[in-house]
Amino acid sequence: MNVLIKKGAVGVSMLAALSACSGDLGEGENGGDESVATEASALDMAKFHGWEQIPNGVFASGPGYAKHDNTRALVCGRGTDARVWCGKGDSSGFQPISSVLVSSRPSVSSYLDETNTQQWAVVALAQNGALVISVTRGPSQSWGPFRTVPGGDPDKGFAHGVAIARMAGSNGAVFVVGAKREVHNADPVRYYAILGDIMRGAQSWGTWQEVPGGGIFLSAPAAVSLPGGGFVLAGEGMDLRYWYAQGTTPFTTAGWIPIGSQTFDAAPAVAARNSTQFEIVGSVSGDNRYVVGTVTRANPGEPSWGTIGNGLFKSAPTIGATSTRLDVLGWGMDNMFYINRWF
């Protein structure tokens, strides 16, 4: 199935191990059959606690966000100086993690190091066109330098932005998903992914492979690793609907599946509180507010979309989740970040 999407070789042993620990994910159910229209269980919108400004930070892009558990989270953004600034999302503010200048909003993931200590990873598109990654190490979570993701060199045609997600059940294994232009310096783009181990260096990374399904895109991808194993990618189609693909890895997806009939004007954000459903957030066409819907992976259809308050935003949302909580973040009209917590 060829899908037009609008804005908004892997190491065999590692891939086999990840697939084995993922179990039966039911990937590709319905084969992209658009006739299925079962509404997923809607979120109780009354459990959102309202938009709160994250203080002490002014930005030039939307936020990147990851939530390790209910007490540990990291929010990052491209500052007005084009550097990546990160913080806990509280009154302690933000600090620059590198002098490298970036052109996209960063994407953030949590991972565990060799001692099972929780750490952070940030990826972004540098101003020279390279996909770069920085990670924290050690008890103090000190940031290392930005380094080019293997194969993510400036001449490879990456555009718009990038997503990162840690594979469930593996400490340092992550997927990075980027958008490659079809024609130099012009849209559209296709999604490509690479698997690597943050703790083992460049030699542990595989090669970039196109995400199956023939999707053609105009914006950065949204990605989430599912609890217990599995992976979901999402994007906005030329028909302005959201589409998603799922599998044990980004290389094993069975094609792109439409999410209902609602249209949007920005890229989606995705998060998962369990292995059978995921939440998707976006900005409805002609409206700068965010809406959220819950998608059942085995039986996708039209979610019951709910508006997340009356906040107005300049770009696509970011979202993070645990089994009991959901955080939605946006870049406000005053260039500051805002968060709305669901619990």
C-alpha atoms as a PDB file:
ATOM      1  CA  MET A   1       0.000   0.000   0.000  1.00  0.00           C
ATOM      2  CA  ASN A   2       1.484   3.348  -1.035  1.00  0.00           C
ATOM      3  CA  VAL A   3       0.624   6.187   1.306  1.00  0.00           C
ATOM      4  CA  LEU A   4       1.449   9.833   0.747  1.00  0.00           C
ATOM      5  CA  ILE A   5       2.202  11.482   4.053  1.00  0.00           C
ATOM      6  CA  LYS A   6       2.163  15.230   4.680  1.00  0.00           C
ATOM      7  CA  LYS A   7       3.736  17.443   7.383  1.00  0.00           C
ATOM      8  CA  GLY A   8       3.987  17.880  10.358  1.00  0.00           C
ATOM      9  CA  ALA A   9      21.613  -3.654   7.535  1.00  0.00           C
ATOM     10  CA  VAL A  10      20.728  -4.022  11.283  1.00  0.00           C
ATOM     11  CA  GLY A  11      22.856  -6.433  13.318  1.00  0.00           C
ATOM     12  CA  VAL A  12      21.057  -9.768  12.894  1.00  0.00           C
ATOM     13  CA  SER A  13      21.770 -11.046  16.392  1.00  0.00           C
ATOM     14  CA  MET A  14      20.521  -7.870  18.100  1.00  0.00           C
ATOM     15  CA  LEU A  15      17.397  -7.666  15.930  1.00  0.00           C
ATOM     16  CA  ALA A  16      16.593 -11.336  16.479  1.00  0.00           C
ATOM     17  CA  ALA A  17      16.962 -10.934  20.221  1.00  0.00           C
ATOM     18  CA  LEU A  18      14.667  -7.931  20.276  1.00  0.00           C
ATOM     19  CA  SER A  19      12.070  -9.729  18.160  1.00  0.00           C
ATOM     20  CA  ALA A  20      12.200 -12.758  20.423  1.00  0.00           C
ATOM     21  CA  CYS A  21      11.607 -10.747  23.589  1.00  0.00           C
ATOM     22  CA  SER A  22       8.744  -8.817  22.012  1.00  0.00           C
ATOM     23  CA  GLY A  23       6.394 -11.771  21.854  1.00  0.00           C
ATOM     24  CA  ASP A  24       3.284 -11.947  19.688  1.00  0.00           C
ATOM     25  CA  LEU A  25       2.428  -8.330  18.983  1.00  0.00           C
ATOM     26  CA  GLY A  26      -0.319  -9.011  16.459  1.00  0.00           C
ATOM     27  CA  GLU A  27       1.425  -6.674  14.027  1.00  0.00           C
ATOM     28  CA  GLY A  28      -0.332  -5.925  10.803  1.00  0.00           C
ATOM     29  CA  GLU A  29      -3.774  -6.931  12.003  1.00  0.00           C
ATOM     30  CA  ASN A  30      -6.404  -6.013   9.443  1.00  0.00           C
ATOM     31  CA  GLY A  31      -3.651  -5.386   6.881  1.00  0.00           C
ATOM     32  CA  GLY A  32      -4.536  -1.709   6.728  1.00  0.00           C
ATOM     33  CA  ASP A  33      -8.216  -2.478   6.076  1.00  0.00           C
ATOM     34  CA  GLU A  34      -9.974   0.878   6.268  1.00  0.00           C
ATOM     35  CA  SER A  35     -13.403  -0.736   6.755  1.00  0.00           C
ATOM     36  CA  VAL A  36     -12.668  -1.403  10.431  1.00  0.00           C
ATOM     37  CA  ALA A  37     -14.118   1.421  12.528  1.00  0.00           C
ATOM     38  CA  THR A  38     -14.180   0.443  16.157  1.00  0.00           C
ATOM     39  CA  GLU A  39     -13.803   3.323  18.599  1.00  0.00           C
ATOM     40  CA  ALA A  40     -11.086   2.889  21.188  1.00  0.00           C
ATOM     41  CA  SER A  41     -11.708   3.582  24.846  1.00  0.00           C
ATOM     42  CA  ALA A  42     -11.634   7.352  25.213  1.00  0.00           C
ATOM     43  CA  LEU A  43      -9.553   9.123  27.828  1.00  0.00           C
ATOM     44  CA  ASP A  44     -11.438  10.758  30.665  1.00  0.00           C
ATOM     45  CA  MET A  45     -10.754  14.383  29.680  1.00  0.00           C
ATOM     46  CA  ALA A  46     -11.656  15.561  33.190  1.00  0.00           C
ATOM     47  CA  LYS A  47      -8.376  14.030  34.381  1.00  0.00           C
ATOM     48  CA  PHE A  48      -6.335  16.659  32.542  1.00  0.00           C
ATOM     49  CA  HIS A  49      -5.212  19.262  35.080  1.00  0.00           C
ATOM     50  CA  GLY A  50      -4.891  22.314  32.847  1.00  0.00           C
ATOM     51  CA  TRP A  51      -2.057  24.013  30.990  1.00  0.00           C
ATOM     52  CA  GLU A  52       0.870  25.178  33.130  1.00  0.00           C
ATOM     53  CA  GLN A  53       3.788  27.273  31.906  1.00  0.00           C
ATOM     54  CA  ILE A  54       7.225  25.693  32.337  1.00  0.00           C
ATOM     55  CA  PRO A  55       9.241  28.630  33.730  1.00  0.00           C
ATOM     56  CA  ASN A  56      12.651  30.041  32.871  1.00  0.00           C
ATOM     57  CA  GLY A  57      12.920  29.074  29.223  1.00  0.00           C
ATOM     58  CA  VAL A  58      12.254  30.806  25.881  1.00  0.00           C
ATOM     59  CA  PHE A  59      12.608  28.671  22.764  1.00  0.00           C
ATOM     60  CA  ALA A  60      12.738  28.705  18.978  1.00  0.00           C
ATOM     61  CA  SER A  61      11.111  25.280  18.486  1.00  0.00           C
ATOM     62  CA  GLY A  62       8.630  22.936  20.031  1.00  0.00           C
ATOM     63  CA  PRO A  63       9.690  20.702  22.938  1.00  0.00           C
ATOM     64  CA  GLY A  64      11.142  17.233  23.014  1.00  0.00           C
ATOM     65  CA  TYR A  65      10.095  15.161  26.030  1.00  0.00           C
ATOM     66  CA  ALA A  66      10.604  11.794  27.662  1.00  0.00           C
ATOM     67  CA  LYS A  67       9.073  10.382  30.830  1.00  0.00           C
ATOM     68  CA  HIS A  68      11.054   7.556  32.457  1.00  0.00           C
ATOM     69  CA  ASP A  69       8.586   7.081  35.310  1.00  0.00           C
ATOM     70  CA  ASN A  70       6.195   9.194  37.377  1.00  0.00           C
ATOM     71  CA  THR A  71       9.039  11.137  39.016  1.00  0.00           C
ATOM     72  CA  ARG A  72      11.727  11.415  36.302  1.00  0.00           C
ATOM     73  CA  ALA A  73      11.248  13.328  33.046  1.00  0.00           C
ATOM     74  CA  LEU A  74      13.308  15.501  30.703  1.00  0.00           C
ATOM     75  CA  VAL A  75      12.152  18.342  28.459  1.00  0.00           C
ATOM     76  CA  CYS A  76      14.447  19.848  25.818  1.00  0.00           C
ATOM     77  CA  GLY A  77      14.128  22.522  23.153  1.00  0.00           C
ATOM     78  CA  ARG A  78      16.061  24.495  20.575  1.00  0.00           C
ATOM     79  CA  GLY A  79      16.952  27.776  22.234  1.00  0.00           C
ATOM     80  CA  THR A  80      16.982  31.185  20.605  1.00  0.00           C
ATOM     81  CA  ASP A  81      20.749  30.610  20.176  1.00  0.00           C
ATOM     82  CA  ALA A  82      20.023  27.374  18.221  1.00  0.00           C
ATOM     83  CA  ARG A  83      21.610  25.208  20.932  1.00  0.00           C
ATOM     84  CA  VAL A  84      19.741  22.390  22.698  1.00  0.00           C
ATOM     85  CA  TRP A  85      18.670  23.311  26.241  1.00  0.00           C
ATOM     86  CA  CYS A  86      17.281  20.699  28.658  1.00  0.00           C
ATOM     87  CA  GLY A  87      15.679  20.679  32.090  1.00  0.00           C
ATOM     88  CA  LYS A  88      13.403  18.759  34.422  1.00  0.00           C
ATOM     89  CA  GLY A  89      10.351  20.819  33.487  1.00  0.00           C
ATOM     90  CA  ASP A  90      10.207  22.607  36.827  1.00  0.00           C
ATOM     91  CA  SER A  91      11.401  25.910  38.290  1.00  0.00           C
ATOM     92  CA  SER A  92      15.050  24.816  38.098  1.00  0.00           C
ATOM     93  CA  GLY A  93      15.094  26.020  34.491  1.00  0.00           C
ATOM     94  CA  PHE A  94      17.126  24.823  31.498  1.00  0.00           C
ATOM     95  CA  GLN A  95      20.810  24.361  30.719  1.00  0.00           C
ATOM     96  CA  PRO A  96      22.568  24.018  27.334  1.00  0.00           C
ATOM     97  CA  ILE A  97      23.911  20.518  26.742  1.00  0.00           C
ATOM     98  CA  SER A  98      26.266  21.367  23.857  1.00  0.00           C
ATOM     99  CA  SER A  99      27.576  24.169  21.639  1.00  0.00           C
ATOM    100  CA  VAL A 100      26.364  22.372  18.481  1.00  0.00           C
ATOM    101  CA  LEU A 101      23.744  24.392  16.588  1.00  0.00           C
ATOM    102  CA  VAL A 102      20.582  22.536  15.532  1.00  0.00           C
ATOM    103  CA  SER A 103      17.771  23.281  13.081  1.00  0.00           C
ATOM    104  CA  SER A 104      15.073  20.971  14.481  1.00  0.00           C
ATOM    105  CA  ARG A 105      13.404  20.442  17.793  1.00  0.00           C
ATOM    106  CA  PRO A 106      15.176  17.681  19.724  1.00  0.00           C
ATOM    107  CA  SER A 107      13.757  14.244  20.418  1.00  0.00           C
ATOM    108  CA  VAL A 108      14.376  12.659  23.840  1.00  0.00           C
ATOM    109  CA  SER A 109      14.520   9.107  25.180  1.00  0.00           C
ATOM    110  CA  SER A 110      15.352   7.441  28.476  1.00  0.00           C
ATOM    111  CA  TYR A 111      17.683   4.442  28.685  1.00  0.00           C
ATOM    112  CA  LEU A 112      19.486   2.330  31.288  1.00  0.00           C
ATOM    113  CA  ASP A 113      23.278   2.082  31.412  1.00  0.00           C
ATOM    114  CA  GLU A 114      25.503  -0.884  32.333  1.00  0.00           C
ATOM    115  CA  THR A 115      24.678  -0.469  36.029  1.00  0.00           C
ATOM    116  CA  ASN A 116      20.941  -0.120  35.340  1.00  0.00           C
ATOM    117  CA  THR A 117      21.180   3.586  36.165  1.00  0.00           C
ATOM    118  CA  GLN A 118      18.604   5.674  34.311  1.00  0.00           C
ATOM    119  CA  GLN A 119      20.109   8.019  31.697  1.00  0.00           C
ATOM    120  CA  TRP A 120      18.950  10.302  28.843  1.00  0.00           C
ATOM    121  CA  ALA A 121      19.561  10.476  25.094  1.00  0.00           C
ATOM    122  CA  VAL A 122      18.807  13.426  22.795  1.00  0.00           C
ATOM    123  CA  VAL A 123      18.851  13.476  18.985  1.00  0.00           C
ATOM    124  CA  ALA A 124      18.398  16.437  16.642  1.00  0.00           C
ATOM    125  CA  LEU A 125      19.082  17.643  13.112  1.00  0.00           C
ATOM    126  CA  ALA A 126      22.199  19.844  13.165  1.00  0.00           C
ATOM    127  CA  GLN A 127      22.389  23.005  11.080  1.00  0.00           C
ATOM    128  CA  ASN A 128      24.915  21.291   8.788  1.00  0.00           C
ATOM    129  CA  GLY A 129      22.309  18.595   7.967  1.00  0.00           C
ATOM    130  CA  ALA A 130      23.748  15.804  10.134  1.00  0.00           C
ATOM    131  CA  LEU A 131      21.670  13.768  12.578  1.00  0.00           C
ATOM    132  CA  VAL A 132      23.425  14.079  15.938  1.00  0.00           C
ATOM    133  CA  ILE A 133      23.029  12.343  19.303  1.00  0.00           C
ATOM    134  CA  SER A 134      24.160  13.184  22.840  1.00  0.00           C
ATOM    135  CA  VAL A 135      23.747  10.959  25.901  1.00  0.00           C
ATOM    136  CA  THR A 136      24.244  11.268  29.647  1.00  0.00           C
ATOM    137  CA  ARG A 137      26.526   8.913  31.529  1.00  0.00           C
ATOM    138  CA  GLY A 138      27.568   8.281  35.121  1.00  0.00           C
ATOM    139  CA  PRO A 139      25.852   8.907  38.464  1.00  0.00           C
ATOM    140  CA  SER A 140      25.651  12.670  37.821  1.00  0.00           C
ATOM    141  CA  GLN A 141      24.082  12.201  34.348  1.00  0.00           C
ATOM    142  CA  SER A 142      26.747  14.324  32.658  1.00  0.00           C
ATOM    143  CA  TRP A 143      26.091  15.132  28.998  1.00  0.00           C
ATOM    144  CA  GLY A 144      28.585  13.908  26.430  1.00  0.00           C
ATOM    145  CA  PRO A 145      29.303  15.748  23.158  1.00  0.00           C
ATOM    146  CA  PHE A 146      26.933  15.584  20.212  1.00  0.00           C
ATOM    147  CA  ARG A 147      28.176  12.967  17.748  1.00  0.00           C
ATOM    148  CA  THR A 148      26.855  12.133  14.304  1.00  0.00           C
ATOM    149  CA  VAL A 149      24.535   9.117  14.279  1.00  0.00           C
ATOM    150  CA  PRO A 150      26.336   6.503  12.117  1.00  0.00           C
ATOM    151  CA  GLY A 151      25.235   7.057   8.529  1.00  0.00           C
ATOM    152  CA  GLY A 152      23.499  10.326   9.448  1.00  0.00           C
ATOM    153  CA  ASP A 153      26.055  12.519   7.698  1.00  0.00           C
ATOM    154  CA  PRO A 154      25.213  15.995   6.303  1.00  0.00           C
ATOM    155  CA  ASP A 155      25.060  14.753   2.683  1.00  0.00           C
ATOM    156  CA  LYS A 156      22.452  12.042   3.328  1.00  0.00           C
ATOM    157  CA  GLY A 157      19.417  14.258   2.727  1.00  0.00           C
ATOM    158  CA  PHE A 158      17.813  14.216   6.182  1.00  0.00           C
ATOM    159  CA  ALA A 159      15.221  16.943   6.792  1.00  0.00           C
ATOM    160  CA  HIS A 160      12.643  18.317   9.231  1.00  0.00           C
ATOM    161  CA  GLY A 161      13.601  16.392  12.350  1.00  0.00           C
ATOM    162  CA  VAL A 162      14.105  13.016  13.953  1.00  0.00           C
ATOM    163  CA  ALA A 163      12.608  10.642  16.536  1.00  0.00           C
ATOM    164  CA  ILE A 164      14.267   8.310  19.038  1.00  0.00           C
ATOM    165  CA  ALA A 165      12.781   5.492  21.133  1.00  0.00           C
ATOM    166  CA  ARG A 166      14.344   2.834  23.362  1.00  0.00           C
ATOM    167  CA  MET A 167      13.404  -0.759  22.713  1.00  0.00           C
ATOM    168  CA  ALA A 168      11.561  -2.250  25.676  1.00  0.00           C
ATOM    169  CA  GLY A 169      13.479  -5.049  27.388  1.00  0.00           C
ATOM    170  CA  SER A 170      16.905  -3.780  26.331  1.00  0.00           C
ATOM    171  CA  ASN A 171      18.956  -1.265  28.295  1.00  0.00           C
ATOM    172  CA  GLY A 172      20.806   0.708  25.627  1.00  0.00           C
ATOM    173  CA  ALA A 173      19.221  -0.394  22.352  1.00  0.00           C
ATOM    174  CA  VAL A 174      17.438   2.483  20.601  1.00  0.00           C
ATOM    175  CA  PHE A 175      15.866   3.192  17.261  1.00  0.00           C
ATOM    176  CA  VAL A 176      16.472   6.511  15.553  1.00  0.00           C
ATOM    177  CA  VAL A 177      13.967   7.377  12.819  1.00  0.00           C
ATOM    178  CA  GLY A 178      14.699  10.179  10.367  1.00  0.00           C
ATOM    179  CA  ALA A 179      13.061  11.748   7.322  1.00  0.00           C
ATOM    180  CA  LYS A 180      15.054  11.627   4.065  1.00  0.00           C
ATOM    181  CA  ARG A 181      14.212  13.881   1.143  1.00  0.00           C
ATOM    182  CA  GLU A 182      13.291  12.284  -2.169  1.00  0.00           C
ATOM    183  CA  VAL A 183      14.926  15.162  -4.076  1.00  0.00           C
ATOM    184  CA  HIS A 184      17.735  17.347  -2.728  1.00  0.00           C
ATOM    185  CA  ASN A 185      16.403  20.343  -0.813  1.00  0.00           C
ATOM    186  CA  ALA A 186      12.778  19.571  -1.666  1.00  0.00           C
ATOM    187  CA  ASP A 187       9.847  17.677  -0.186  1.00  0.00           C
ATOM    188  CA  PRO A 188       8.507  14.998   0.154  1.00  0.00           C
ATOM    189  CA  VAL A 189      10.517  12.615   2.366  1.00  0.00           C
ATOM    190  CA  ARG A 190      10.522   8.959   3.365  1.00  0.00           C
ATOM    191  CA  TYR A 191      11.109   7.534   6.825  1.00  0.00           C
ATOM    192  CA  TYR A 192      14.331   5.626   7.487  1.00  0.00           C
ATOM    193  CA  ALA A 193      15.375   3.912  10.718  1.00  0.00           C
ATOM    194  CA  ILE A 194      18.561   2.619  12.302  1.00  0.00           C
ATOM    195  CA  LEU A 195      19.136   0.432  15.374  1.00  0.00           C
ATOM    196  CA  GLY A 196      22.079   0.971  17.693  1.00  0.00           C
ATOM    197  CA  ASP A 197      23.297   0.388  21.220  1.00  0.00           C
ATOM    198  CA  ILE A 198      24.128   3.623  23.012  1.00  0.00           C
ATOM    199  CA  MET A 199      26.546   1.881  25.379  1.00  0.00           C
ATOM    200  CA  ARG A 200      28.603   0.038  22.748  1.00  0.00           C
ATOM    201  CA  GLY A 201      29.688   2.818  20.426  1.00  0.00           C
ATOM    202  CA  ALA A 202      29.473   3.345  16.666  1.00  0.00           C
ATOM    203  CA  GLN A 203      30.446  -0.249  15.849  1.00  0.00           C
ATOM    204  CA  SER A 204      27.171  -1.518  17.355  1.00  0.00           C
ATOM    205  CA  TRP A 205      24.952   0.469  14.991  1.00  0.00           C
ATOM    206  CA  GLY A 206      23.402  -1.118  11.925  1.00  0.00           C
ATOM    207  CA  THR A 207      22.585   0.602   8.638  1.00  0.00           C
ATOM    208  CA  TRP A 208      19.716   2.887   7.705  1.00  0.00           C
ATOM    209  CA  GLN A 209      16.732   1.085   6.198  1.00  0.00           C
ATOM    210  CA  GLU A 210      13.508   2.525   4.831  1.00  0.00           C
ATOM    211  CA  VAL A 211      10.445   1.819   6.961  1.00  0.00           C
ATOM    212  CA  PRO A 212       8.329  -0.643   4.904  1.00  0.00           C
ATOM    213  CA  GLY A 213       4.993   0.346   3.439  1.00  0.00           C
ATOM    214  CA  GLY A 214       5.875   2.931   0.801  1.00  0.00           C
ATOM    215  CA  GLY A 215       4.990   5.945   2.955  1.00  0.00           C
ATOM    216  CA  ILE A 216       5.949   9.377   1.611  1.00  0.00           C
ATOM    217  CA  PHE A 217       6.033  12.166   4.177  1.00  0.00           C
ATOM    218  CA  LEU A 218       6.490  15.897   4.605  1.00  0.00           C
ATOM    219  CA  SER A 219       7.442  16.070   8.300  1.00  0.00           C
ATOM    220  CA  ALA A 220       9.461  14.398  11.002  1.00  0.00           C
ATOM    221  CA  PRO A 221       8.132  11.043  12.275  1.00  0.00           C
ATOM    222  CA  ALA A 222       6.526  10.348  15.638  1.00  0.00           C
ATOM    223  CA  ALA A 223       7.662   7.147  17.341  1.00  0.00           C
ATOM    224  CA  VAL A 224       7.018   5.205  20.536  1.00  0.00           C
ATOM    225  CA  SER A 225       8.284   1.941  21.993  1.00  0.00           C
ATOM    226  CA  LEU A 226       5.456  -0.084  23.540  1.00  0.00           C
ATOM    227  CA  PRO A 227       5.562  -1.565  27.054  1.00  0.00           C
ATOM    228  CA  GLY A 228       6.472  -5.227  26.749  1.00  0.00           C
ATOM    229  CA  GLY A 229       7.857  -4.823  23.214  1.00  0.00           C
ATOM    230  CA  GLY A 230       6.877  -3.450  19.853  1.00  0.00           C
ATOM    231  CA  PHE A 231       6.974  -0.142  18.091  1.00  0.00           C
ATOM    232  CA  VAL A 232       4.563   2.412  16.585  1.00  0.00           C
ATOM    233  CA  LEU A 233       5.351   5.117  14.022  1.00  0.00           C
ATOM    234  CA  ALA A 234       2.876   7.821  12.999  1.00  0.00           C
ATOM    235  CA  GLY A 235       2.624  10.657  10.495  1.00  0.00           C
ATOM    236  CA  GLU A 236       0.181  12.999   8.779  1.00  0.00           C
ATOM    237  CA  GLY A 237      -1.061  12.019   5.327  1.00  0.00           C
ATOM    238  CA  MET A 238      -1.622  14.131   2.229  1.00  0.00           C
ATOM    239  CA  ASP A 239      -5.310  13.705   3.038  1.00  0.00           C
ATOM    240  CA  LEU A 240      -4.478  15.442   6.377  1.00  0.00           C
ATOM    241  CA  ARG A 241      -5.439  12.338   8.343  1.00  0.00           C
ATOM    242  CA  TYR A 242      -3.056  10.571  10.716  1.00  0.00           C
ATOM    243  CA  TRP A 243      -1.627   7.200   9.670  1.00  0.00           C
ATOM    244  CA  TYR A 244       0.419   4.733  11.690  1.00  0.00           C
ATOM    245  CA  ALA A 245       2.563   1.625  11.218  1.00  0.00           C
ATOM    246  CA  GLN A 246       3.427  -0.984  13.838  1.00  0.00           C
ATOM    247  CA  GLY A 247       5.736  -3.970  14.291  1.00  0.00           C
ATOM    248  CA  THR A 248       8.335  -5.587  16.504  1.00  0.00           C
ATOM    249  CA  THR A 249      10.765  -3.010  15.036  1.00  0.00           C
ATOM    250  CA  PRO A 250      10.465  -0.218  12.434  1.00  0.00           C
ATOM    251  CA  PHE A 251      11.798  -2.731   9.899  1.00  0.00           C
ATOM    252  CA  THR A 252       8.936  -5.208  10.374  1.00  0.00           C
ATOM    253  CA  THR A 253       5.905  -2.972   9.906  1.00  0.00           C
ATOM    254  CA  ALA A 254       3.096  -4.299   7.707  1.00  0.00           C
ATOM    255  CA  GLY A 255       2.015  -1.045   6.048  1.00  0.00           C
ATOM    256  CA  TRP A 256       0.336   2.208   6.979  1.00  0.00           C
ATOM    257  CA  ILE A 257      -3.097   2.242   8.642  1.00  0.00           C
ATOM    258  CA  PRO A 258      -5.369   5.329   8.730  1.00  0.00           C
ATOM    259  CA  ILE A 259      -6.615   6.618  12.067  1.00  0.00           C
ATOM    260  CA  GLY A 260     -10.219   7.610  11.418  1.00  0.00           C
ATOM    261  CA  SER A 261     -11.337  10.560   9.286  1.00  0.00           C
ATOM    262  CA  GLN A 262     -10.301  13.591  11.362  1.00  0.00           C
ATOM    263  CA  THR A 263      -7.913  15.980   9.572  1.00  0.00           C
ATOM    264  CA  PHE A 264      -4.948  17.821  11.100  1.00  0.00           C
ATOM    265  CA  ASP A 265      -2.508  20.586  10.256  1.00  0.00           C
ATOM    266  CA  ALA A 266       0.613  19.417  12.149  1.00  0.00           C
ATOM    267  CA  ALA A 267       2.593  16.247  12.773  1.00  0.00           C
ATOM    268  CA  PRO A 268       1.296  13.896  15.495  1.00  0.00           C
ATOM    269  CA  ALA A 269       2.821  12.870  18.815  1.00  0.00           C
ATOM    270  CA  VAL A 270       2.402   9.330  20.163  1.00  0.00           C
ATOM    271  CA  ALA A 271       2.789   7.656  23.573  1.00  0.00           C
ATOM    272  CA  ALA A 272       1.718   4.330  25.064  1.00  0.00           C
ATOM    273  CA  ARG A 273       0.447   3.444  28.533  1.00  0.00           C
ATOM    274  CA  ASN A 274       0.065  -0.248  27.668  1.00  0.00           C
ATOM    275  CA  SER A 275       0.909  -2.683  24.857  1.00  0.00           C
ATOM    276  CA  THR A 276      -2.533  -2.837  23.217  1.00  0.00           C
ATOM    277  CA  GLN A 277      -3.337   0.868  22.741  1.00  0.00           C
ATOM    278  CA  PHE A 278      -1.549   4.132  22.175  1.00  0.00           C
ATOM    279  CA  GLU A 279      -2.464   7.791  22.537  1.00  0.00           C
ATOM    280  CA  ILE A 280      -2.056  10.177  19.622  1.00  0.00           C
ATOM    281  CA  VAL A 281      -2.141  13.979  19.953  1.00  0.00           C
ATOM    282  CA  GLY A 282      -2.355  16.604  17.228  1.00  0.00           C
ATOM    283  CA  SER A 283      -3.653  19.982  16.141  1.00  0.00           C
ATOM    284  CA  VAL A 284      -6.958  19.823  14.256  1.00  0.00           C
ATOM    285  CA  SER A 285      -7.037  21.581  10.889  1.00  0.00           C
ATOM    286  CA  GLY A 286      -7.756  25.292  11.346  1.00  0.00           C
ATOM    287  CA  ASP A 287      -7.333  25.152  15.143  1.00  0.00           C
ATOM    288  CA  ASN A 288      -4.200  25.801  17.226  1.00  0.00           C
ATOM    289  CA  ARG A 289      -5.503  23.680  20.124  1.00  0.00           C
ATOM    290  CA  TYR A 290      -4.499  20.063  20.710  1.00  0.00           C
ATOM    291  CA  VAL A 291      -6.774  17.027  20.670  1.00  0.00           C
ATOM    292  CA  VAL A 292      -6.057  13.500  21.900  1.00  0.00           C
ATOM    293  CA  GLY A 293      -7.416  10.125  20.843  1.00  0.00           C
ATOM    294  CA  THR A 294      -6.767   6.520  21.902  1.00  0.00           C
ATOM    295  CA  VAL A 295      -6.050   3.949  19.181  1.00  0.00           C
ATOM    296  CA  THR A 296      -6.491   0.198  19.700  1.00  0.00           C
ATOM    297  CA  ARG A 297      -3.701  -1.497  17.748  1.00  0.00           C
ATOM    298  CA  ALA A 298      -5.594  -4.692  16.921  1.00  0.00           C
ATOM    299  CA  ASN A 299      -8.758  -2.940  15.757  1.00  0.00           C
ATOM    300  CA  PRO A 300      -8.090   0.649  14.682  1.00  0.00           C
ATOM    301  CA  GLY A 301     -10.895   3.001  13.826  1.00  0.00           C
ATOM    302  CA  GLU A 302     -12.117   6.498  14.598  1.00  0.00           C
ATOM    303  CA  PRO A 303     -10.942   7.540  18.073  1.00  0.00           C
ATOM    304  CA  SER A 304     -13.125   9.679  20.271  1.00  0.00           C
ATOM    305  CA  TRP A 305     -11.113  12.898  19.983  1.00  0.00           C
ATOM    306  CA  GLY A 306     -11.060  15.172  23.014  1.00  0.00           C
ATOM    307  CA  THR A 307      -9.801  18.765  23.128  1.00  0.00           C
ATOM    308  CA  ILE A 308      -7.040  19.293  25.695  1.00  0.00           C
ATOM    309  CA  GLY A 309      -8.068  22.623  27.195  1.00  0.00           C
ATOM    310  CA  ASN A 310      -7.978  25.962  25.403  1.00  0.00           C
ATOM    311  CA  GLY A 311      -4.222  26.451  25.038  1.00  0.00           C
ATOM    312  CA  LEU A 312      -3.051  27.761  21.647  1.00  0.00           C
ATOM    313  CA  PHE A 313       0.237  26.520  20.220  1.00  0.00           C
ATOM    314  CA  LYS A 314       2.696  27.298  17.437  1.00  0.00           C
ATOM    315  CA  SER A 315       3.801  23.788  16.498  1.00  0.00           C
ATOM    316  CA  ALA A 316       3.090  20.084  16.803  1.00  0.00           C
ATOM    317  CA  PRO A 317       2.731  18.619  20.323  1.00  0.00           C
ATOM    318  CA  THR A 318       5.004  16.339  22.310  1.00  0.00           C
ATOM    319  CA  ILE A 319       3.763  13.625  24.641  1.00  0.00           C
ATOM    320  CA  GLY A 320       5.114  11.245  27.277  1.00  0.00           C
ATOM    321  CA  ALA A 321       3.429   8.500  29.286  1.00  0.00           C
ATOM    322  CA  THR A 322       3.708   5.888  32.005  1.00  0.00           C
ATOM    323  CA  SER A 323       1.096   3.243  32.762  1.00  0.00           C
ATOM    324  CA  THR A 324      -0.863   5.703  34.936  1.00  0.00           C
ATOM    325  CA  ARG A 325       0.043   9.179  33.645  1.00  0.00           C
ATOM    326  CA  LEU A 326       0.102  11.165  30.424  1.00  0.00           C
ATOM    327  CA  ASP A 327       1.893  14.473  29.853  1.00  0.00           C
ATOM    328  CA  VAL A 328       1.223  16.687  26.801  1.00  0.00           C
ATOM    329  CA  LEU A 329       3.588  19.564  26.010  1.00  0.00           C
ATOM    330  CA  GLY A 330       3.437  22.412  23.504  1.00  0.00           C
ATOM    331  CA  TRP A 331       5.272  25.522  22.344  1.00  0.00           C
ATOM    332  CA  GLY A 332       3.116  28.483  23.307  1.00  0.00           C
ATOM    333  CA  MET A 333       2.486  31.704  21.412  1.00  0.00           C
ATOM    334  CA  ASP A 334       4.865  33.430  23.879  1.00  0.00           C
ATOM    335  CA  ASN A 335       7.683  31.026  22.849  1.00  0.00           C
ATOM    336  CA  MET A 336       7.587  29.255  26.214  1.00  0.00           C
ATOM    337  CA  PHE A 337       6.740  25.616  26.889  1.00  0.00           C
ATOM    338  CA  TYR A 338       3.496  24.501  28.517  1.00  0.00           C
ATOM    339  CA  ILE A 339       2.509  21.135  30.003  1.00  0.00           C
ATOM    340  CA  ASN A 340      -0.880  19.557  30.724  1.00  0.00           C
ATOM    341  CA  ARG A 341      -0.831  16.470  32.934  1.00  0.00           C
ATOM    342  CA  TRP A 342      -3.396  13.650  32.841  1.00  0.00           C
ATOM    343  CA  PHE A 343      -3.725  11.379  35.896  1.00  0.00           C
END
